[in-house]
C-alpha atoms as a PDB file:
ATOM      1  CA  GLN A   1      -0.040   0.051   0.018  1.00  0.00           C
ATOM      2  CA  VAL A   2       1.196   3.554  -0.834  1.00  0.00           C
ATOM      3  CA  HIS A   3       0.610   6.478   1.489  1.00  0.00           C
ATOM      4  CA  LEU A   4       0.485   9.840  -0.237  1.00  0.00           C
ATOM      5  CA  VAL A   5       1.272  13.342   1.136  1.00  0.00           C
ATOM      6  CA  GLU A   6       0.934  16.516  -0.955  1.00  0.00           C
ATOM      7  CA  SER A   7       2.752  19.845  -0.364  1.00  0.00           C
ATOM      8  CA  GLY A   8       3.548  23.064  -2.122  1.00  0.00           C
ATOM      9  CA  GLY A   9       0.143  24.695  -2.214  1.00  0.00           C
ATOM     10  CA  GLY A  10      -0.284  28.341  -1.397  1.00  0.00           C
ATOM     11  CA  LEU A  11      -1.615  31.706  -2.443  1.00  0.00           C
ATOM     12  CA  VAL A  12      -0.272  33.080  -5.716  1.00  0.00           C
ATOM     13  CA  GLN A  13      -1.226  36.002  -8.007  1.00  0.00           C
ATOM     14  CA  ALA A  14      -2.637  35.133 -11.523  1.00  0.00           C
ATOM     15  CA  GLY A  15       0.135  34.488 -13.877  1.00  0.00           C
ATOM     16  CA  GLY A  16       2.379  33.074 -11.218  1.00  0.00           C
ATOM     17  CA  SER A  17       3.646  29.641 -10.629  1.00  0.00           C
ATOM     18  CA  LEU A  18       3.656  26.863  -8.061  1.00  0.00           C
ATOM     19  CA  ARG A  19       5.139  23.454  -7.862  1.00  0.00           C
ATOM     20  CA  LEU A  20       3.230  20.784  -6.072  1.00  0.00           C
ATOM     21  CA  SER A  21       4.903  17.719  -4.585  1.00  0.00           C
ATOM     22  CA  CYS A  22       3.510  14.422  -3.551  1.00  0.00           C
ATOM     23  CA  ALA A  23       5.658  12.236  -1.408  1.00  0.00           C
ATOM     24  CA  ALA A  24       4.851   8.525  -1.443  1.00  0.00           C
ATOM     25  CA  SER A  25       5.693   5.896   1.156  1.00  0.00           C
ATOM     26  CA  GLY A  26       6.011   2.248   0.281  1.00  0.00           C
ATOM     27  CA  ARG A  27       8.292   0.109  -1.879  1.00  0.00           C
ATOM     28  CA  THR A  28       5.845  -0.222  -4.783  1.00  0.00           C
ATOM     29  CA  PHE A  29       5.642   3.314  -5.913  1.00  0.00           C
ATOM     30  CA  SER A  30       7.459   2.906  -9.132  1.00  0.00           C
ATOM     31  CA  THR A  31       4.742   0.232 -10.106  1.00  0.00           C
ATOM     32  CA  TYR A  32       1.925   2.828 -10.041  1.00  0.00           C
ATOM     33  CA  ASN A  33       0.682   5.281 -12.506  1.00  0.00           C
ATOM     34  CA  MET A  34       0.343   8.610 -10.789  1.00  0.00           C
ATOM     35  CA  GLY A  35      -2.202  11.395 -11.218  1.00  0.00           C
ATOM     36  CA  TRP A  36      -3.117  14.838 -10.005  1.00  0.00           C
ATOM     37  CA  PHE A  37      -6.768  15.826  -9.511  1.00  0.00           C
ATOM     38  CA  ARG A  38      -8.370  18.951  -8.151  1.00  0.00           C
ATOM     39  CA  GLN A  39     -11.661  20.005  -6.544  1.00  0.00           C
ATOM     40  CA  ALA A  40     -12.827  23.564  -6.493  1.00  0.00           C
ATOM     41  CA  PRO A  41     -15.544  24.695  -4.038  1.00  0.00           C
ATOM     42  CA  GLY A  42     -18.978  23.464  -4.989  1.00  0.00           C
ATOM     43  CA  LYS A  43     -17.527  21.473  -7.932  1.00  0.00           C
ATOM     44  CA  GLU A  44     -16.768  17.785  -8.385  1.00  0.00           C
ATOM     45  CA  ARG A  45     -13.310  16.527  -8.283  1.00  0.00           C
ATOM     46  CA  GLU A  46     -11.684  16.597 -11.744  1.00  0.00           C
ATOM     47  CA  PHE A  47      -8.674  15.023 -13.480  1.00  0.00           C
ATOM     48  CA  VAL A  48      -5.628  17.382 -14.060  1.00  0.00           C
ATOM     49  CA  ALA A  49      -2.768  15.217 -15.126  1.00  0.00           C
ATOM     50  CA  SER A  50      -1.295  11.712 -15.080  1.00  0.00           C
ATOM     51  CA  MET A  51       1.926   9.924 -15.719  1.00  0.00           C
ATOM     52  CA  ASP A  52       2.483   6.202 -16.204  1.00  0.00           C
ATOM     53  CA  ARG A  53       4.866   4.273 -13.954  1.00  0.00           C
ATOM     54  CA  THR A  54       7.951   4.764 -16.221  1.00  0.00           C
ATOM     55  CA  GLY A  55       7.282   8.390 -16.842  1.00  0.00           C
ATOM     56  CA  GLY A  56       7.046   7.753 -20.593  1.00  0.00           C
ATOM     57  CA  ARG A  57       3.389   8.690 -21.090  1.00  0.00           C
ATOM     58  CA  THR A  58       1.484  11.695 -19.716  1.00  0.00           C
ATOM     59  CA  GLY A  59      -2.009  12.982 -20.004  1.00  0.00           C
ATOM     60  CA  TYR A  60      -3.524  16.401 -19.234  1.00  0.00           C
ATOM     61  CA  ALA A  61      -6.908  18.009 -18.878  1.00  0.00           C
ATOM     62  CA  ASP A  62      -7.406  20.420 -21.804  1.00  0.00           C
ATOM     63  CA  SER A  63      -7.766  23.214 -19.301  1.00  0.00           C
ATOM     64  CA  VAL A  64      -4.116  22.870 -18.099  1.00  0.00           C
ATOM     65  CA  LYS A  65      -2.366  21.806 -21.276  1.00  0.00           C
ATOM     66  CA  GLY A  66       0.650  23.920 -22.036  1.00  0.00           C
ATOM     67  CA  ARG A  67       0.603  25.370 -18.510  1.00  0.00           C
ATOM     68  CA  PHE A  68       1.049  22.361 -16.200  1.00  0.00           C
ATOM     69  CA  THR A  69       3.706  19.739 -16.304  1.00  0.00           C
ATOM     70  CA  ILE A  70       3.669  16.402 -14.337  1.00  0.00           C
ATOM     71  CA  SER A  71       6.865  14.666 -13.538  1.00  0.00           C
ATOM     72  CA  ARG A  72       8.005  11.876 -11.243  1.00  0.00           C
ATOM     73  CA  ASP A  73      11.237  10.729  -9.520  1.00  0.00           C
ATOM     74  CA  ASN A  74      10.915   7.026  -8.730  1.00  0.00           C
ATOM     75  CA  ALA A  75      14.216   7.115  -6.852  1.00  0.00           C
ATOM     76  CA  LYS A  76      12.635   9.710  -4.443  1.00  0.00           C
ATOM     77  CA  ASN A  77       9.191   8.166  -4.457  1.00  0.00           C
ATOM     78  CA  ALA A  78       7.699  11.492  -5.519  1.00  0.00           C
ATOM     79  CA  VAL A  79       5.556  13.010  -8.203  1.00  0.00           C
ATOM     80  CA  TYR A  80       5.365  16.703  -9.027  1.00  0.00           C
ATOM     81  CA  LEU A  81       3.086  19.137 -10.735  1.00  0.00           C
ATOM     82  CA  GLN A  82       4.672  22.271 -12.058  1.00  0.00           C
ATOM     83  CA  MET A  83       1.905  24.962 -12.591  1.00  0.00           C
ATOM     84  CA  ASN A  84       2.681  27.983 -14.605  1.00  0.00           C
ATOM     85  CA  SER A  85       0.572  30.869 -15.882  1.00  0.00           C
ATOM     86  CA  LEU A  86      -1.889  30.217 -13.087  1.00  0.00           C
ATOM     87  CA  LYS A  87      -5.480  31.537 -13.426  1.00  0.00           C
ATOM     88  CA  PRO A  88      -8.017  32.273 -10.778  1.00  0.00           C
ATOM     89  CA  GLU A  89     -10.030  29.243 -12.112  1.00  0.00           C
ATOM     90  CA  ASP A  90      -7.199  26.998 -11.119  1.00  0.00           C
ATOM     91  CA  THR A  91      -8.106  27.653  -7.424  1.00  0.00           C
ATOM     92  CA  ALA A  92      -8.841  24.258  -5.857  1.00  0.00           C
ATOM     93  CA  VAL A  93      -7.619  21.629  -3.497  1.00  0.00           C
ATOM     94  CA  TYR A  94      -5.119  19.538  -5.454  1.00  0.00           C
ATOM     95  CA  TYR A  95      -4.726  15.796  -4.771  1.00  0.00           C
ATOM     96  CA  CYS A  96      -2.345  13.232  -5.975  1.00  0.00           C
ATOM     97  CA  ALA A  97      -3.668   9.765  -6.550  1.00  0.00           C
ATOM     98  CA  CYS A  98      -2.584   6.320  -7.658  1.00  0.00           C
ATOM     99  CA  GLY A  99      -3.964   2.769  -7.890  1.00  0.00           C
ATOM    100  CA  LEU A 100      -5.685   0.933 -10.621  1.00  0.00           C
ATOM    101  CA  ASN A 101      -8.876   2.987 -10.394  1.00  0.00           C
ATOM    102  CA  TRP A 102      -7.367   6.070  -8.651  1.00  0.00           C
ATOM    103  CA  ASP A 103      -8.374   4.458  -5.301  1.00  0.00           C
ATOM    104  CA  LEU A 104      -5.396   5.757  -3.194  1.00  0.00           C
ATOM    105  CA  TRP A 105      -5.508   9.553  -2.390  1.00  0.00           C
ATOM    106  CA  GLY A 106      -3.490  12.067  -0.457  1.00  0.00           C
ATOM    107  CA  GLN A 107      -5.110  14.648   1.862  1.00  0.00           C
ATOM    108  CA  GLY A 108      -4.767  17.497  -0.625  1.00  0.00           C
ATOM    109  CA  THR A 109      -3.067  20.838  -0.720  1.00  0.00           C
ATOM    110  CA  GLN A 110      -4.858  24.109  -1.277  1.00  0.00           C
ATOM    111  CA  VAL A 111      -3.938  26.279  -4.202  1.00  0.00           C
ATOM    112  CA  THR A 112      -5.450  29.728  -4.363  1.00  0.00           C
ATOM    113  CA  VAL A 113      -4.919  32.060  -7.341  1.00  0.00           C
ATOM    114  CA  SER A 114      -5.891  35.710  -6.854  1.00  0.00           C
ATOM    115  CA  SER A 115      -6.839  37.900  -9.765  1.00  0.00           C
END
């Protein structure tokens, strides 16, 4: 089983950048595809980005393509989300997740983008 802990959230002005980190415990991290999701107030949780276990394949929501980049370091049991050109609509709690059906989740980290 993998335990996930996100960090790196905060308050940033529109146009700014943040880098989220997700630290994973457990020896099987490298066997998991990893993903980032977010949930804004009053909205359902939505997919943001994913990366396969080798780092060779990525996927992004249309709303973040060209602005966000997912990466991972299997040696450090970590996955990252670099977020550039942030917009107020990116404001949400960001979660990392893994598992066959995204059934393992971290506690989330708040990202607030001011206009």
